[in-house]
């Protein structure tokens, strides 16, 4: 990719990202702390989901390995 084109896309993405994050921060205002608690709870749920999926994948892998072995 030519450098000038890369700079254009990089700059455009940065402007969109900064505008989105700034807008979210402005709209949430004083509720930012409440959102932080929700995100922390969501993080725990996500970790639990990843652990369950990893365990399920491991079980499926071990069963298939046992069938072929």
C-alpha atoms as a PDB file:
ATOM      1  CA  UNK A   1       0.000   0.000   0.000  1.00  0.00           C
ATOM      2  CA  UNK A   2       1.430   3.393  -0.898  1.00  0.00           C
ATOM      3  CA  UNK A   3       2.419   5.451   2.122  1.00  0.00           C
ATOM      4  CA  UNK A   4       0.149   8.393   1.221  1.00  0.00           C
ATOM      5  CA  UNK A   5      -2.877   6.085   1.057  1.00  0.00           C
ATOM      6  CA  UNK A   6      -1.914   4.499   4.383  1.00  0.00           C
ATOM      7  CA  UNK A   7      -1.651   7.928   6.000  1.00  0.00           C
ATOM      8  CA  UNK A   8      -5.071   8.887   4.677  1.00  0.00           C
ATOM      9  CA  UNK A   9      -6.726   5.740   6.076  1.00  0.00           C
ATOM     10  CA  UNK A  10      -4.774   5.956   9.337  1.00  0.00           C
ATOM     11  CA  UNK A  11      -5.725   9.600   9.854  1.00  0.00           C
ATOM     12  CA  UNK A  12      -9.381   8.938   8.965  1.00  0.00           C
ATOM     13  CA  UNK A  13      -9.543   6.017  11.400  1.00  0.00           C
ATOM     14  CA  UNK A  14      -7.925   8.074  14.159  1.00  0.00           C
ATOM     15  CA  UNK A  15     -10.416  10.915  13.687  1.00  0.00           C
ATOM     16  CA  UNK A  16     -13.372   8.516  13.758  1.00  0.00           C
ATOM     17  CA  UNK A  17     -11.993   6.732  16.856  1.00  0.00           C
ATOM     18  CA  UNK A  18     -11.285   9.967  18.751  1.00  0.00           C
ATOM     19  CA  UNK A  19     -14.697  11.394  17.851  1.00  0.00           C
ATOM     20  CA  UNK A  20     -16.497   8.225  18.945  1.00  0.00           C
ATOM     21  CA  UNK A  21     -14.643   7.927  22.264  1.00  0.00           C
ATOM     22  CA  UNK A  22     -15.023  11.649  22.962  1.00  0.00           C
ATOM     23  CA  UNK A  23     -18.736  11.528  22.183  1.00  0.00           C
ATOM     24  CA  UNK A  24     -19.314   8.501  24.401  1.00  0.00           C
ATOM     25  CA  UNK A  25     -17.439  10.185  27.251  1.00  0.00           C
ATOM     26  CA  UNK A  26     -19.440  13.383  26.814  1.00  0.00           C
ATOM     27  CA  UNK A  27     -22.792  11.588  26.625  1.00  0.00           C
ATOM     28  CA  UNK A  28     -22.110   9.403  29.649  1.00  0.00           C
ATOM     29  CA  UNK A  29     -20.870  12.312  31.741  1.00  0.00           C
ATOM     30  CA  UNK A  30     -21.259  11.489  35.435  1.00  0.00           C
ATOM     31  CA  UNK A  31     -22.446   7.953  34.682  1.00  0.00           C
ATOM     32  CA  UNK A  32     -18.925   6.884  33.692  1.00  0.00           C
ATOM     33  CA  UNK A  33     -18.365   5.204  37.081  1.00  0.00           C
ATOM     34  CA  UNK A  34     -21.577   3.202  36.709  1.00  0.00           C
ATOM     35  CA  UNK A  35     -20.465   2.035  33.264  1.00  0.00           C
ATOM     36  CA  UNK A  36     -17.087   0.991  34.673  1.00  0.00           C
ATOM     37  CA  UNK A  37     -18.852  -1.355  37.112  1.00  0.00           C
ATOM     38  CA  UNK A  38     -20.974  -2.837  34.308  1.00  0.00           C
ATOM     39  CA  UNK A  39     -17.882  -3.413  32.171  1.00  0.00           C
ATOM     40  CA  UNK A  40     -16.109  -5.064  35.109  1.00  0.00           C
ATOM     41  CA  UNK A  41     -19.056  -7.454  35.550  1.00  0.00           C
ATOM     42  CA  UNK A  42     -19.119  -8.089  31.803  1.00  0.00           C
ATOM     43  CA  UNK A  43     -15.416  -8.887  31.951  1.00  0.00           C
ATOM     44  CA  UNK A  44     -16.070 -11.586  34.537  1.00  0.00           C
ATOM     45  CA  UNK A  45     -18.837 -13.091  32.416  1.00  0.00           C
ATOM     46  CA  UNK A  46     -16.571 -13.058  29.362  1.00  0.00           C
ATOM     47  CA  UNK A  47     -13.784 -14.815  31.255  1.00  0.00           C
ATOM     48  CA  UNK A  48     -16.230 -17.453  32.445  1.00  0.00           C
ATOM     49  CA  UNK A  49     -17.521 -17.972  28.908  1.00  0.00           C
ATOM     50  CA  UNK A  50     -13.996 -18.327  27.541  1.00  0.00           C
ATOM     51  CA  UNK A  51     -13.172 -20.862  30.271  1.00  0.00           C
ATOM     52  CA  UNK A  52     -16.280 -22.930  29.478  1.00  0.00           C
ATOM     53  CA  UNK A  53     -15.546 -22.852  25.741  1.00  0.00           C
ATOM     54  CA  UNK A  54     -11.911 -23.838  26.321  1.00  0.00           C
ATOM     55  CA  UNK A  55     -12.952 -26.718  28.552  1.00  0.00           C
ATOM     56  CA  UNK A  56     -15.531 -27.896  26.009  1.00  0.00           C
ATOM     57  CA  UNK A  57     -12.965 -27.719  23.229  1.00  0.00           C
ATOM     58  CA  UNK A  58     -10.502 -29.711  25.312  1.00  0.00           C
ATOM     59  CA  UNK A  59     -13.106 -32.389  26.058  1.00  0.00           C
ATOM     60  CA  UNK A  60     -14.030 -32.709  22.363  1.00  0.00           C
ATOM     61  CA  UNK A  61     -10.358 -32.894  21.401  1.00  0.00           C
ATOM     62  CA  UNK A  62      -9.605 -35.580  23.984  1.00  0.00           C
ATOM     63  CA  UNK A  63     -12.628 -37.660  22.906  1.00  0.00           C
ATOM     64  CA  UNK A  64     -11.584 -37.517  19.256  1.00  0.00           C
ATOM     65  CA  UNK A  65      -8.024 -38.362  20.216  1.00  0.00           C
ATOM     66  CA  UNK A  66      -9.242 -41.377  22.191  1.00  0.00           C
ATOM     67  CA  UNK A  67     -11.325 -42.604  19.227  1.00  0.00           C
ATOM     68  CA  UNK A  68      -8.395 -42.446  16.811  1.00  0.00           C
ATOM     69  CA  UNK A  69      -5.825 -43.761  19.284  1.00  0.00           C
END
